[in-house]
Amino acid sequence: MGYVTAVPHPRSEAAGPARAGRLSLAVALLAGALGAAVALLATRQRWSEGTATVAGGAFPLTAKGSDVTGVPAALAIVGLAALVAVFAVRKAGRLLVAGVLALSGAGIVTAALIGAGDSSALDEQAAKASGDTSATVAALSHTAWPYVAVVGGVLILVAGLLALRYGRLWPAMSGRYERDGAPRARRKAVAVDPDRPEDIWKALDRGEDPTGA
């Protein structure tokens, strides 16, 4: 008695990559957009605080993330632009843009971790407040906002890695104008009878010259 081997339907075989492409696209868009928003928000918050001795008293000092380092905010904008640009390019260009997206996330993580323990911004404020260039901040403490920026960077990094892995399955903005990567052939102009006004109007609507010049 023979055995019949089931052959998978071509549609079922194609459904796997298509589903992975749709899922990765949704996750990348969400992670990239959310990561950029989180990183930008975190840089506007207070990262560190301390005091400076002014006229025998303690003068409070605070530093926002943008005072400590401008790298996370700048890379968040670059990452957001790369997230949009990844749909405007194909093949090698898409891999390049996806790499920029991933590197933007990694850069935000690195800069935020370094800034989490940085005191130079408050030291500058202490020197200005006290009038002593050698003055430094006292009672230095840091908030959790640098680590929130790290989370934003990680999300952008994830979006970049997904673009590198699954970007070839994602659609492109020019897909509606192209088929298989090649421009569509222009339609042959329809002959216009100059004695029929309706043909002339139809030609004008199509953007053709009814005179044939």
C-alpha atoms as a PDB file:
ATOM      1  CA  MET A   1       0.000   0.000   0.000  1.00  0.00           C
ATOM      2  CA  GLY A   2       1.522   3.313  -1.060  1.00  0.00           C
ATOM      3  CA  TYR A   3       1.685   6.512   0.933  1.00  0.00           C
ATOM      4  CA  VAL A   4       0.625   9.885  -0.408  1.00  0.00           C
ATOM      5  CA  THR A   5       2.923  12.757   0.445  1.00  0.00           C
ATOM      6  CA  ALA A   6       1.138  16.011   1.067  1.00  0.00           C
ATOM      7  CA  VAL A   7       2.536  18.884  -0.940  1.00  0.00           C
ATOM      8  CA  PRO A   8       2.145  22.312   0.692  1.00  0.00           C
ATOM      9  CA  HIS A   9       0.170  24.816  -1.307  1.00  0.00           C
ATOM     10  CA  PRO A  10       2.319  27.654  -2.764  1.00  0.00           C
ATOM     11  CA  ARG A  11       0.132  30.203  -1.010  1.00  0.00           C
ATOM     12  CA  SER A  12       0.794  28.617   2.386  1.00  0.00           C
ATOM     13  CA  GLU A  13       4.532  28.646   1.729  1.00  0.00           C
ATOM     14  CA  ALA A  14       4.429  32.349   0.844  1.00  0.00           C
ATOM     15  CA  ALA A  15       2.242  33.197   3.826  1.00  0.00           C
ATOM     16  CA  GLY A  16       5.077  32.663   6.323  1.00  0.00           C
ATOM     17  CA  PRO A  17       7.474  35.335   4.986  1.00  0.00           C
ATOM     18  CA  ALA A  18       4.583  37.698   4.293  1.00  0.00           C
ATOM     19  CA  ARG A  19       3.322  37.361   7.864  1.00  0.00           C
ATOM     20  CA  ALA A  20       6.839  37.869   9.231  1.00  0.00           C
ATOM     21  CA  GLY A  21       7.214  40.959   7.073  1.00  0.00           C
ATOM     22  CA  ARG A  22       3.956  42.495   8.277  1.00  0.00           C
ATOM     23  CA  LEU A  23       4.674  41.721  11.929  1.00  0.00           C
ATOM     24  CA  SER A  24       8.258  42.994  11.816  1.00  0.00           C
ATOM     25  CA  LEU A  25       7.110  46.132  10.009  1.00  0.00           C
ATOM     26  CA  ALA A  26       4.499  46.901  12.662  1.00  0.00           C
ATOM     27  CA  VAL A  27       6.937  46.264  15.516  1.00  0.00           C
ATOM     28  CA  ALA A  28       9.695  48.333  13.891  1.00  0.00           C
ATOM     29  CA  LEU A  29       7.405  51.301  13.255  1.00  0.00           C
ATOM     30  CA  LEU A  30       6.072  51.219  16.793  1.00  0.00           C
ATOM     31  CA  ALA A  31       9.489  50.710  18.400  1.00  0.00           C
ATOM     32  CA  GLY A  32      11.220  53.356  16.281  1.00  0.00           C
ATOM     33  CA  ALA A  33       8.584  56.050  16.717  1.00  0.00           C
ATOM     34  CA  LEU A  34       8.143  55.352  20.429  1.00  0.00           C
ATOM     35  CA  GLY A  35      11.891  55.186  20.993  1.00  0.00           C
ATOM     36  CA  ALA A  36      12.487  58.561  19.342  1.00  0.00           C
ATOM     37  CA  ALA A  37       9.675  60.154  21.355  1.00  0.00           C
ATOM     38  CA  VAL A  38      10.974  58.681  24.627  1.00  0.00           C
ATOM     39  CA  ALA A  39      14.556  59.766  23.942  1.00  0.00           C
ATOM     40  CA  LEU A  40      13.508  63.319  23.042  1.00  0.00           C
ATOM     41  CA  LEU A  41      11.291  63.554  26.107  1.00  0.00           C
ATOM     42  CA  ALA A  42      14.039  62.279  28.393  1.00  0.00           C
ATOM     43  CA  THR A  43      16.571  64.854  27.191  1.00  0.00           C
ATOM     44  CA  ARG A  44      14.222  67.653  28.242  1.00  0.00           C
ATOM     45  CA  GLN A  45      14.011  66.402  31.815  1.00  0.00           C
ATOM     46  CA  ARG A  46      16.306  66.922  34.810  1.00  0.00           C
ATOM     47  CA  TRP A  47      19.224  64.492  34.761  1.00  0.00           C
ATOM     48  CA  SER A  48      21.267  65.751  37.697  1.00  0.00           C
ATOM     49  CA  GLU A  49      21.167  68.202  40.590  1.00  0.00           C
ATOM     50  CA  GLY A  50      23.473  69.555  43.247  1.00  0.00           C
ATOM     51  CA  THR A  51      24.541  72.711  45.057  1.00  0.00           C
ATOM     52  CA  ALA A  52      27.181  75.397  44.767  1.00  0.00           C
ATOM     53  CA  THR A  53      28.541  77.529  47.602  1.00  0.00           C
ATOM     54  CA  VAL A  54      27.607  81.152  46.947  1.00  0.00           C
ATOM     55  CA  ALA A  55      28.161  83.895  49.566  1.00  0.00           C
ATOM     56  CA  GLY A  56      28.451  81.317  52.321  1.00  0.00           C
ATOM     57  CA  GLY A  57      25.212  79.550  51.375  1.00  0.00           C
ATOM     58  CA  ALA A  58      24.149  76.617  49.231  1.00  0.00           C
ATOM     59  CA  PHE A  59      22.808  77.523  45.816  1.00  0.00           C
ATOM     60  CA  PRO A  60      20.738  74.773  44.107  1.00  0.00           C
ATOM     61  CA  LEU A  61      21.763  73.676  40.635  1.00  0.00           C
ATOM     62  CA  THR A  62      19.992  71.463  38.109  1.00  0.00           C
ATOM     63  CA  ALA A  63      20.941  70.181  34.660  1.00  0.00           C
ATOM     64  CA  LYS A  64      18.616  68.848  31.983  1.00  0.00           C
ATOM     65  CA  GLY A  65      19.616  66.091  29.630  1.00  0.00           C
ATOM     66  CA  SER A  66      20.222  68.592  26.832  1.00  0.00           C
ATOM     67  CA  ASP A  67      22.632  70.444  29.168  1.00  0.00           C
ATOM     68  CA  VAL A  68      24.582  67.258  29.807  1.00  0.00           C
ATOM     69  CA  THR A  69      24.779  66.007  26.215  1.00  0.00           C
ATOM     70  CA  GLY A  70      23.075  66.864  22.956  1.00  0.00           C
ATOM     71  CA  VAL A  71      23.835  63.489  21.367  1.00  0.00           C
ATOM     72  CA  PRO A  72      20.648  61.570  22.345  1.00  0.00           C
ATOM     73  CA  ALA A  73      18.303  64.256  21.016  1.00  0.00           C
ATOM     74  CA  ALA A  74      20.240  64.628  17.774  1.00  0.00           C
ATOM     75  CA  LEU A  75      20.391  60.875  17.189  1.00  0.00           C
ATOM     76  CA  ALA A  76      16.692  60.504  18.016  1.00  0.00           C
ATOM     77  CA  ILE A  77      15.893  62.888  15.152  1.00  0.00           C
ATOM     78  CA  VAL A  78      18.329  61.043  12.857  1.00  0.00           C
ATOM     79  CA  GLY A  79      16.725  57.735  13.813  1.00  0.00           C
ATOM     80  CA  LEU A  80      13.237  59.036  13.152  1.00  0.00           C
ATOM     81  CA  ALA A  81      14.309  60.321   9.734  1.00  0.00           C
ATOM     82  CA  ALA A  82      15.950  56.974   8.949  1.00  0.00           C
ATOM     83  CA  LEU A  83      12.784  55.136   9.983  1.00  0.00           C
ATOM     84  CA  VAL A  84      10.836  57.094   7.373  1.00  0.00           C
ATOM     85  CA  ALA A  85      13.584  56.909   4.741  1.00  0.00           C
ATOM     86  CA  VAL A  86      13.819  53.125   4.957  1.00  0.00           C
ATOM     87  CA  PHE A  87      10.567  52.916   2.967  1.00  0.00           C
ATOM     88  CA  ALA A  88      11.801  55.249   0.241  1.00  0.00           C
ATOM     89  CA  VAL A  89      14.755  53.086  -0.804  1.00  0.00           C
ATOM     90  CA  ARG A  90      15.311  49.492  -1.907  1.00  0.00           C
ATOM     91  CA  LYS A  91      17.931  46.746  -1.714  1.00  0.00           C
ATOM     92  CA  ALA A  92      21.399  48.105  -0.752  1.00  0.00           C
ATOM     93  CA  GLY A  93      19.991  51.543   0.030  1.00  0.00           C
ATOM     94  CA  ARG A  94      17.502  50.049   2.469  1.00  0.00           C
ATOM     95  CA  LEU A  95      20.268  48.108   4.236  1.00  0.00           C
ATOM     96  CA  LEU A  96      22.324  51.290   4.531  1.00  0.00           C
ATOM     97  CA  VAL A  97      19.459  53.299   5.994  1.00  0.00           C
ATOM     98  CA  ALA A  98      18.565  50.439   8.345  1.00  0.00           C
ATOM     99  CA  GLY A  99      22.177  50.449   9.542  1.00  0.00           C
ATOM    100  CA  VAL A 100      21.955  54.169  10.264  1.00  0.00           C
ATOM    101  CA  LEU A 101      18.757  53.514  12.230  1.00  0.00           C
ATOM    102  CA  ALA A 102      20.424  50.811  14.322  1.00  0.00           C
ATOM    103  CA  LEU A 103      23.546  52.912  14.920  1.00  0.00           C
ATOM    104  CA  SER A 104      21.392  55.847  16.032  1.00  0.00           C
ATOM    105  CA  GLY A 105      19.833  53.685  18.722  1.00  0.00           C
ATOM    106  CA  ALA A 106      23.209  52.347  19.841  1.00  0.00           C
ATOM    107  CA  GLY A 107      24.598  55.882  19.989  1.00  0.00           C
ATOM    108  CA  ILE A 108      21.721  57.075  22.162  1.00  0.00           C
ATOM    109  CA  VAL A 109      22.281  54.197  24.586  1.00  0.00           C
ATOM    110  CA  THR A 110      26.013  54.928  24.839  1.00  0.00           C
ATOM    111  CA  ALA A 111      25.630  58.699  25.238  1.00  0.00           C
ATOM    112  CA  ALA A 112      22.873  58.366  27.849  1.00  0.00           C
ATOM    113  CA  LEU A 113      24.860  55.882  29.937  1.00  0.00           C
ATOM    114  CA  ILE A 114      27.881  58.181  29.872  1.00  0.00           C
ATOM    115  CA  GLY A 115      25.712  61.185  30.741  1.00  0.00           C
ATOM    116  CA  ALA A 116      24.123  59.353  33.670  1.00  0.00           C
ATOM    117  CA  GLY A 117      27.281  59.880  35.732  1.00  0.00           C
ATOM    118  CA  ASP A 118      28.508  63.122  34.182  1.00  0.00           C
ATOM    119  CA  SER A 119      28.926  66.205  36.386  1.00  0.00           C
ATOM    120  CA  SER A 120      30.569  68.628  33.948  1.00  0.00           C
ATOM    121  CA  ALA A 121      27.353  70.543  33.230  1.00  0.00           C
ATOM    122  CA  LEU A 122      26.764  71.229  36.931  1.00  0.00           C
ATOM    123  CA  ASP A 123      30.443  72.032  37.488  1.00  0.00           C
ATOM    124  CA  GLU A 124      30.151  74.762  34.847  1.00  0.00           C
ATOM    125  CA  GLN A 125      27.068  76.134  36.543  1.00  0.00           C
ATOM    126  CA  ALA A 126      28.810  76.047  39.935  1.00  0.00           C
ATOM    127  CA  ALA A 127      31.773  77.982  38.527  1.00  0.00           C
ATOM    128  CA  LYS A 128      29.492  80.645  37.065  1.00  0.00           C
ATOM    129  CA  ALA A 129      27.344  80.936  40.182  1.00  0.00           C
ATOM    130  CA  SER A 130      30.289  81.261  42.557  1.00  0.00           C
ATOM    131  CA  GLY A 131      32.549  83.267  40.298  1.00  0.00           C
ATOM    132  CA  ASP A 132      35.315  80.754  40.952  1.00  0.00           C
ATOM    133  CA  THR A 133      36.469  78.864  37.849  1.00  0.00           C
ATOM    134  CA  SER A 134      37.779  76.040  40.012  1.00  0.00           C
ATOM    135  CA  ALA A 135      34.493  75.522  41.884  1.00  0.00           C
ATOM    136  CA  THR A 136      32.677  72.222  41.496  1.00  0.00           C
ATOM    137  CA  VAL A 137      29.197  71.035  42.312  1.00  0.00           C
ATOM    138  CA  ALA A 138      28.514  69.605  45.771  1.00  0.00           C
ATOM    139  CA  ALA A 139      25.892  67.079  46.911  1.00  0.00           C
ATOM    140  CA  LEU A 140      25.656  65.747  43.377  1.00  0.00           C
ATOM    141  CA  SER A 141      22.800  63.337  42.569  1.00  0.00           C
ATOM    142  CA  HIS A 142      21.302  61.927  39.389  1.00  0.00           C
ATOM    143  CA  THR A 143      17.750  61.093  38.354  1.00  0.00           C
ATOM    144  CA  ALA A 144      16.445  58.108  36.407  1.00  0.00           C
ATOM    145  CA  TRP A 145      15.837  60.084  33.210  1.00  0.00           C
ATOM    146  CA  PRO A 146      19.175  59.121  31.585  1.00  0.00           C
ATOM    147  CA  TYR A 147      18.067  55.492  31.806  1.00  0.00           C
ATOM    148  CA  VAL A 148      14.728  56.418  30.253  1.00  0.00           C
ATOM    149  CA  ALA A 149      16.749  57.763  27.327  1.00  0.00           C
ATOM    150  CA  VAL A 150      18.579  54.424  27.254  1.00  0.00           C
ATOM    151  CA  VAL A 151      15.231  52.670  26.855  1.00  0.00           C
ATOM    152  CA  GLY A 152      14.405  54.956  23.945  1.00  0.00           C
ATOM    153  CA  GLY A 153      17.735  54.136  22.334  1.00  0.00           C
ATOM    154  CA  VAL A 154      17.142  50.417  22.767  1.00  0.00           C
ATOM    155  CA  LEU A 155      13.769  50.705  21.023  1.00  0.00           C
ATOM    156  CA  ILE A 156      15.354  52.511  18.076  1.00  0.00           C
ATOM    157  CA  LEU A 157      18.107  49.892  17.980  1.00  0.00           C
ATOM    158  CA  VAL A 158      15.485  47.139  17.846  1.00  0.00           C
ATOM    159  CA  ALA A 159      13.754  48.916  14.964  1.00  0.00           C
ATOM    160  CA  GLY A 160      17.054  49.109  13.104  1.00  0.00           C
ATOM    161  CA  LEU A 161      17.849  45.436  13.647  1.00  0.00           C
ATOM    162  CA  LEU A 162      14.376  44.462  12.422  1.00  0.00           C
ATOM    163  CA  ALA A 163      14.894  46.602   9.325  1.00  0.00           C
ATOM    164  CA  LEU A 164      18.214  44.896   8.676  1.00  0.00           C
ATOM    165  CA  ARG A 165      16.702  41.434   9.079  1.00  0.00           C
ATOM    166  CA  TYR A 166      13.273  41.818   7.474  1.00  0.00           C
ATOM    167  CA  GLY A 167      13.517  45.067   5.507  1.00  0.00           C
ATOM    168  CA  ARG A 168      13.639  43.197   2.193  1.00  0.00           C
ATOM    169  CA  LEU A 169      10.073  42.024   2.870  1.00  0.00           C
ATOM    170  CA  TRP A 170       8.730  45.516   3.521  1.00  0.00           C
ATOM    171  CA  PRO A 171       6.952  47.605   0.875  1.00  0.00           C
ATOM    172  CA  ALA A 172       8.427  50.778  -0.542  1.00  0.00           C
ATOM    173  CA  MET A 173       6.762  54.153  -1.028  1.00  0.00           C
ATOM    174  CA  SER A 174       7.260  53.910  -4.790  1.00  0.00           C
ATOM    175  CA  GLY A 175       5.540  50.535  -4.994  1.00  0.00           C
ATOM    176  CA  ARG A 176       2.311  52.035  -6.338  1.00  0.00           C
ATOM    177  CA  TYR A 177       4.175  53.500  -9.287  1.00  0.00           C
ATOM    178  CA  GLU A 178       6.422  50.521 -10.066  1.00  0.00           C
ATOM    179  CA  ARG A 179       5.994  46.830 -10.747  1.00  0.00           C
ATOM    180  CA  ASP A 180       8.878  44.443  -9.961  1.00  0.00           C
ATOM    181  CA  GLY A 181      11.195  47.412  -9.545  1.00  0.00           C
ATOM    182  CA  ALA A 182      10.755  48.576 -13.165  1.00  0.00           C
ATOM    183  CA  PRO A 183       8.854  51.676 -14.294  1.00  0.00           C
ATOM    184  CA  ARG A 184       5.557  51.017 -15.976  1.00  0.00           C
ATOM    185  CA  ALA A 185       5.437  51.470 -19.721  1.00  0.00           C
ATOM    186  CA  ARG A 186       3.543  54.520 -20.889  1.00  0.00           C
ATOM    187  CA  ARG A 187       0.234  53.818 -22.563  1.00  0.00           C
ATOM    188  CA  LYS A 188       0.062  54.388 -26.271  1.00  0.00           C
ATOM    189  CA  ALA A 189      -1.871  57.515 -27.127  1.00  0.00           C
ATOM    190  CA  VAL A 190      -5.350  56.865 -28.478  1.00  0.00           C
ATOM    191  CA  ALA A 191      -6.091  58.249 -31.910  1.00  0.00           C
ATOM    192  CA  VAL A 192      -8.239  61.383 -31.713  1.00  0.00           C
ATOM    193  CA  ASP A 193     -10.831  62.284 -34.312  1.00  0.00           C
ATOM    194  CA  PRO A 194     -10.632  66.099 -34.672  1.00  0.00           C
ATOM    195  CA  ASP A 195     -14.215  66.142 -35.896  1.00  0.00           C
ATOM    196  CA  ARG A 196     -15.503  64.692 -32.614  1.00  0.00           C
ATOM    197  CA  PRO A 197     -15.365  67.208 -29.716  1.00  0.00           C
ATOM    198  CA  GLU A 198     -15.868  64.448 -27.123  1.00  0.00           C
ATOM    199  CA  ASP A 199     -12.622  62.752 -28.296  1.00  0.00           C
ATOM    200  CA  ILE A 200     -10.744  66.027 -27.984  1.00  0.00           C
ATOM    201  CA  TRP A 201     -11.967  66.570 -24.419  1.00  0.00           C
ATOM    202  CA  LYS A 202     -11.055  62.989 -23.450  1.00  0.00           C
ATOM    203  CA  ALA A 203      -7.559  63.481 -24.850  1.00  0.00           C
ATOM    204  CA  LEU A 204      -7.132  66.677 -22.859  1.00  0.00           C
ATOM    205  CA  ASP A 205      -8.279  64.881 -19.699  1.00  0.00           C
ATOM    206  CA  ARG A 206      -5.589  62.246 -20.306  1.00  0.00           C
ATOM    207  CA  GLY A 207      -2.959  64.950 -20.650  1.00  0.00           C
ATOM    208  CA  GLU A 208      -2.468  64.320 -24.372  1.00  0.00           C
ATOM    209  CA  ASP A 209      -2.168  66.783 -27.205  1.00  0.00           C
ATOM    210  CA  PRO A 210      -5.288  66.287 -29.374  1.00  0.00           C
ATOM    211  CA  THR A 211      -3.597  68.004 -32.288  1.00  0.00           C
ATOM    212  CA  GLY A 212      -0.884  65.303 -32.421  1.00  0.00           C
ATOM    213  CA  ALA A 213       1.862  67.966 -32.559  1.00  0.00           C
END
